[in-house]
Amino acid sequence: MMLLSTLRFSKLKRTIIFVFIVGLIVWNQARLQWIGSNRPRNHTRQSRQPRLSSNASYESLLGTRNPFPRPILLSEMVDFLVEVWEEEGLYA
C-alpha cells in the first residue's frame, strides 16, 4: 500500500513539474510577442532624458487611443500622473 501511494505521489510530482515547465515556456513565448523578440538581450539602459513634453496635458497624452510615438518610462508616466492628480486634488 505504501509503495502504491509513493508511486502516485511520484507521478503527481512529475505532472506538476511538467505543467510548470510547459506554463513557463508558454508564458515566455507570449512575453516575447509582447516585447518583441528582435530586441537585443543585453541592451543597455536607455538614457534618462524625459520623453514627455513639459507642457504635456492629461488630455493630450491619454485622451486618445493612438500609441505614443516612442516608449515612455513607467517612472516618468507615474510622475506625470501623480502631478496631474495632485493639481486636480485627487491625490494627496
N, C-alpha and C. Protein backbone atom coordinates (compact mmCIF):
# COMPACT_ATOMS: atom_id res chain seq x y z
N MET A 1 0.82 -1.19 0.00
CA MET A 1 0.00 0.00 0.00
C MET A 1 0.87 1.26 0.00
N MET A 2 1.94 1.24 0.78
CA MET A 2 2.84 2.38 0.85
C MET A 2 3.51 2.61 -0.50
N LEU A 3 3.88 1.54 -1.19
CA LEU A 3 4.54 1.65 -2.49
C LEU A 3 3.59 2.29 -3.51
N LEU A 4 2.33 1.89 -3.49
CA LEU A 4 1.34 2.45 -4.41
C LEU A 4 1.15 3.94 -4.14
N SER A 5 1.09 4.31 -2.89
CA SER A 5 0.95 5.71 -2.51
C SER A 5 2.17 6.51 -2.96
N THR A 6 3.36 5.95 -2.80
CA THR A 6 4.60 6.62 -3.22
C THR A 6 4.63 6.79 -4.73
N LEU A 7 4.19 5.77 -5.47
CA LEU A 7 4.16 5.86 -6.93
C LEU A 7 3.18 6.94 -7.39
N ARG A 8 2.02 7.02 -6.74
CA ARG A 8 1.05 8.05 -7.10
C ARG A 8 1.62 9.44 -6.85
N PHE A 9 2.28 9.60 -5.70
CA PHE A 9 2.88 10.89 -5.37
C PHE A 9 3.96 11.24 -6.39
N SER A 10 4.76 10.25 -6.78
CA SER A 10 5.83 10.48 -7.74
C SER A 10 5.25 10.91 -9.09
N LYS A 11 4.17 10.25 -9.51
CA LYS A 11 3.54 10.61 -10.78
C LYS A 11 2.94 12.02 -10.69
N LEU A 12 2.30 12.32 -9.57
CA LEU A 12 1.73 13.65 -9.37
C LEU A 12 2.83 14.71 -9.40
N LYS A 13 3.94 14.42 -8.77
CA LYS A 13 5.06 15.36 -8.73
C LYS A 13 5.59 15.61 -10.14
N ARG A 14 5.75 14.55 -10.93
CA ARG A 14 6.22 14.71 -12.31
C ARG A 14 5.22 15.52 -13.14
N THR A 15 3.93 15.28 -12.93
CA THR A 15 2.89 16.01 -13.65
C THR A 15 2.94 17.50 -13.31
N ILE A 16 3.09 17.80 -12.03
CA ILE A 16 3.16 19.20 -11.60
C ILE A 16 4.37 19.88 -12.22
N ILE A 17 5.51 19.22 -12.20
CA ILE A 17 6.73 19.79 -12.79
C ILE A 17 6.53 20.00 -14.29
N PHE A 18 5.93 19.04 -14.98
CA PHE A 18 5.68 19.16 -16.41
C PHE A 18 4.78 20.35 -16.71
N VAL A 19 3.69 20.48 -15.96
CA VAL A 19 2.75 21.59 -16.16
C VAL A 19 3.46 22.92 -15.91
N PHE A 20 4.29 22.98 -14.88
CA PHE A 20 5.02 24.20 -14.58
C PHE A 20 5.95 24.57 -15.73
N ILE A 21 6.69 23.60 -16.25
CA ILE A 21 7.64 23.87 -17.34
C ILE A 21 6.90 24.31 -18.61
N VAL A 22 5.82 23.62 -18.94
CA VAL A 22 5.04 24.00 -20.13
C VAL A 22 4.46 25.40 -19.94
N GLY A 23 3.95 25.69 -18.76
CA GLY A 23 3.41 27.02 -18.48
C GLY A 23 4.47 28.09 -18.62
N LEU A 24 5.67 27.81 -18.13
CA LEU A 24 6.77 28.76 -18.23
C LEU A 24 7.15 29.01 -19.69
N ILE A 25 7.18 27.96 -20.48
CA ILE A 25 7.50 28.10 -21.91
C ILE A 25 6.45 28.95 -22.61
N VAL A 26 5.17 28.66 -22.35
CA VAL A 26 4.09 29.42 -22.98
C VAL A 26 4.14 30.88 -22.54
N TRP A 27 4.39 31.11 -21.25
CA TRP A 27 4.49 32.49 -20.75
C TRP A 27 5.63 33.23 -21.42
N ASN A 28 6.79 32.60 -21.55
CA ASN A 28 7.93 33.25 -22.20
C ASN A 28 7.66 33.55 -23.67
N GLN A 29 6.96 32.66 -24.35
CA GLN A 29 6.62 32.91 -25.75
C GLN A 29 5.67 34.11 -25.86
N ALA A 30 4.68 34.18 -24.98
CA ALA A 30 3.75 35.32 -25.00
C ALA A 30 4.50 36.61 -24.67
N ARG A 31 5.42 36.54 -23.74
CA ARG A 31 6.20 37.72 -23.35
C ARG A 31 7.04 38.21 -24.53
N LEU A 32 7.65 37.28 -25.26
CA LEU A 32 8.46 37.67 -26.42
C LEU A 32 7.60 38.35 -27.48
N GLN A 33 6.38 37.87 -27.67
CA GLN A 33 5.49 38.53 -28.63
C GLN A 33 5.14 39.93 -28.15
N TRP A 34 4.96 40.08 -26.85
CA TRP A 34 4.57 41.37 -26.29
C TRP A 34 5.71 42.38 -26.39
N ILE A 35 6.93 41.99 -26.01
CA ILE A 35 8.05 42.94 -26.01
C ILE A 35 8.78 42.98 -27.33
N GLY A 36 8.53 42.01 -28.17
CA GLY A 36 9.23 41.94 -29.45
C GLY A 36 10.48 41.10 -29.31
N SER A 37 10.56 40.05 -30.08
CA SER A 37 11.68 39.12 -29.96
C SER A 37 12.94 39.62 -30.64
N ASN A 38 12.85 40.75 -31.35
CA ASN A 38 14.04 41.24 -32.05
C ASN A 38 14.84 42.22 -31.20
N ARG A 39 14.48 42.39 -29.95
CA ARG A 39 15.24 43.25 -29.04
C ARG A 39 16.53 42.57 -28.65
N PRO A 40 17.60 43.33 -28.53
CA PRO A 40 18.83 42.71 -28.04
C PRO A 40 18.67 42.27 -26.59
N ARG A 41 19.22 41.12 -26.28
CA ARG A 41 19.08 40.55 -24.94
C ARG A 41 19.75 41.40 -23.88
N ASN A 42 20.94 41.90 -24.16
CA ASN A 42 21.69 42.65 -23.15
C ASN A 42 21.74 44.13 -23.53
N HIS A 43 20.57 44.69 -23.75
CA HIS A 43 20.51 46.09 -24.14
C HIS A 43 20.91 46.98 -22.96
N THR A 44 21.55 48.07 -23.26
CA THR A 44 21.95 49.00 -22.21
C THR A 44 20.75 49.83 -21.80
N ARG A 45 20.80 50.34 -20.60
CA ARG A 45 19.71 51.18 -20.12
C ARG A 45 19.56 52.40 -21.00
N GLN A 46 18.32 52.72 -21.27
CA GLN A 46 18.05 53.89 -22.10
C GLN A 46 18.40 55.15 -21.31
N SER A 47 18.70 56.20 -22.03
CA SER A 47 19.04 57.45 -21.37
C SER A 47 17.85 57.94 -20.56
N ARG A 48 18.14 58.69 -19.53
CA ARG A 48 17.11 59.19 -18.63
C ARG A 48 16.54 60.53 -19.07
N GLN A 49 16.72 60.89 -20.32
CA GLN A 49 16.16 62.14 -20.80
C GLN A 49 14.64 62.01 -20.82
N PRO A 50 13.94 63.03 -20.32
CA PRO A 50 12.48 62.96 -20.30
C PRO A 50 11.92 62.78 -21.71
N ARG A 51 10.91 61.97 -21.82
CA ARG A 51 10.27 61.75 -23.11
C ARG A 51 8.94 62.47 -23.21
N LEU A 52 8.41 62.87 -22.06
CA LEU A 52 7.17 63.64 -22.07
C LEU A 52 7.50 65.11 -22.15
N SER A 53 6.77 65.81 -22.96
CA SER A 53 6.96 67.25 -23.08
C SER A 53 6.58 67.91 -21.76
N SER A 54 7.29 68.97 -21.41
CA SER A 54 7.00 69.66 -20.15
C SER A 54 5.63 70.33 -20.17
N ASN A 55 5.08 70.56 -21.35
CA ASN A 55 3.75 71.17 -21.44
C ASN A 55 2.68 70.14 -21.84
N ALA A 56 2.98 68.86 -21.66
CA ALA A 56 2.01 67.82 -21.99
C ALA A 56 0.83 67.89 -21.02
N SER A 57 -0.34 67.64 -21.54
CA SER A 57 -1.54 67.63 -20.70
C SER A 57 -2.08 66.20 -20.63
N TYR A 58 -2.91 65.98 -19.63
CA TYR A 58 -3.55 64.68 -19.46
C TYR A 58 -4.33 64.31 -20.72
N GLU A 59 -5.10 65.27 -21.23
CA GLU A 59 -5.91 65.04 -22.42
C GLU A 59 -5.04 64.71 -23.63
N SER A 60 -3.95 65.45 -23.81
CA SER A 60 -3.11 65.23 -24.99
C SER A 60 -2.43 63.86 -24.95
N LEU A 61 -2.16 63.37 -23.76
CA LEU A 61 -1.49 62.07 -23.65
C LEU A 61 -2.46 60.90 -23.60
N LEU A 62 -3.48 61.03 -22.78
CA LEU A 62 -4.34 59.88 -22.52
C LEU A 62 -5.74 60.02 -23.09
N GLY A 63 -6.00 61.12 -23.80
CA GLY A 63 -7.32 61.32 -24.38
C GLY A 63 -7.45 60.73 -25.76
N THR A 64 -6.52 59.92 -26.17
CA THR A 64 -6.55 59.31 -27.50
C THR A 64 -6.18 57.84 -27.38
N ARG A 65 -6.58 57.07 -28.34
CA ARG A 65 -6.23 55.65 -28.36
C ARG A 65 -4.95 55.39 -29.17
N ASN A 66 -4.41 56.44 -29.75
CA ASN A 66 -3.21 56.28 -30.56
C ASN A 66 -2.01 55.95 -29.68
N PRO A 67 -1.12 55.09 -30.17
CA PRO A 67 0.08 54.78 -29.37
C PRO A 67 1.02 55.98 -29.32
N PHE A 68 1.82 56.01 -28.29
CA PHE A 68 2.82 57.07 -28.19
C PHE A 68 3.84 56.88 -29.30
N PRO A 69 4.43 57.96 -29.81
CA PRO A 69 5.41 57.84 -30.89
C PRO A 69 6.65 57.06 -30.48
N ARG A 70 6.96 57.06 -29.20
CA ARG A 70 8.10 56.27 -28.70
C ARG A 70 7.78 55.87 -27.26
N PRO A 71 8.41 54.83 -26.75
CA PRO A 71 8.11 54.36 -25.40
C PRO A 71 8.37 55.43 -24.34
N ILE A 72 7.57 55.39 -23.29
CA ILE A 72 7.73 56.30 -22.16
C ILE A 72 8.06 55.45 -20.94
N LEU A 73 9.06 55.87 -20.19
CA LEU A 73 9.44 55.13 -18.99
C LEU A 73 8.27 55.12 -18.00
N LEU A 74 8.07 53.99 -17.36
CA LEU A 74 7.00 53.87 -16.39
C LEU A 74 7.15 54.92 -15.28
N SER A 75 8.36 55.11 -14.79
CA SER A 75 8.57 56.08 -13.71
C SER A 75 8.18 57.49 -14.15
N GLU A 76 8.45 57.82 -15.40
CA GLU A 76 8.09 59.14 -15.92
C GLU A 76 6.57 59.30 -16.02
N MET A 77 5.90 58.25 -16.47
CA MET A 77 4.44 58.30 -16.57
C MET A 77 3.81 58.40 -15.19
N VAL A 78 4.33 57.66 -14.23
CA VAL A 78 3.80 57.72 -12.86
C VAL A 78 3.98 59.12 -12.30
N ASP A 79 5.16 59.71 -12.47
CA ASP A 79 5.40 61.08 -12.00
C ASP A 79 4.41 62.05 -12.64
N PHE A 80 4.18 61.90 -13.93
CA PHE A 80 3.25 62.77 -14.66
C PHE A 80 1.84 62.65 -14.09
N LEU A 81 1.38 61.41 -13.91
CA LEU A 81 0.02 61.19 -13.41
C LEU A 81 -0.15 61.71 -11.99
N VAL A 82 0.83 61.47 -11.13
CA VAL A 82 0.75 61.97 -9.76
C VAL A 82 0.66 63.49 -9.75
N GLU A 83 1.45 64.13 -10.59
CA GLU A 83 1.43 65.60 -10.68
C GLU A 83 0.05 66.09 -11.12
N VAL A 84 -0.52 65.46 -12.15
CA VAL A 84 -1.85 65.85 -12.64
C VAL A 84 -2.89 65.64 -11.55
N TRP A 85 -2.84 64.49 -10.88
CA TRP A 85 -3.83 64.18 -9.85
C TRP A 85 -3.70 65.13 -8.66
N GLU A 86 -2.47 65.51 -8.31
CA GLU A 86 -2.27 66.46 -7.22
C GLU A 86 -2.88 67.82 -7.59
N GLU A 87 -2.67 68.25 -8.83
CA GLU A 87 -3.22 69.53 -9.29
C GLU A 87 -4.75 69.53 -9.25
N GLU A 88 -5.34 68.36 -9.50
CA GLU A 88 -6.80 68.26 -9.52
C GLU A 88 -7.37 67.89 -8.15
N GLY A 89 -6.50 67.74 -7.16
CA GLY A 89 -6.95 67.40 -5.81
C GLY A 89 -7.36 65.95 -5.64
N LEU A 90 -6.93 65.10 -6.55
CA LEU A 90 -7.30 63.68 -6.49
C LEU A 90 -6.27 62.82 -5.78
N TYR A 91 -5.12 63.39 -5.50
CA TYR A 91 -4.03 62.63 -4.89
C TYR A 91 -3.38 63.54 -3.85
N ALA A 92 -3.31 63.06 -2.63
CA ALA A 92 -2.72 63.91 -1.58
C ALA A 92 -1.46 63.30 -1.01
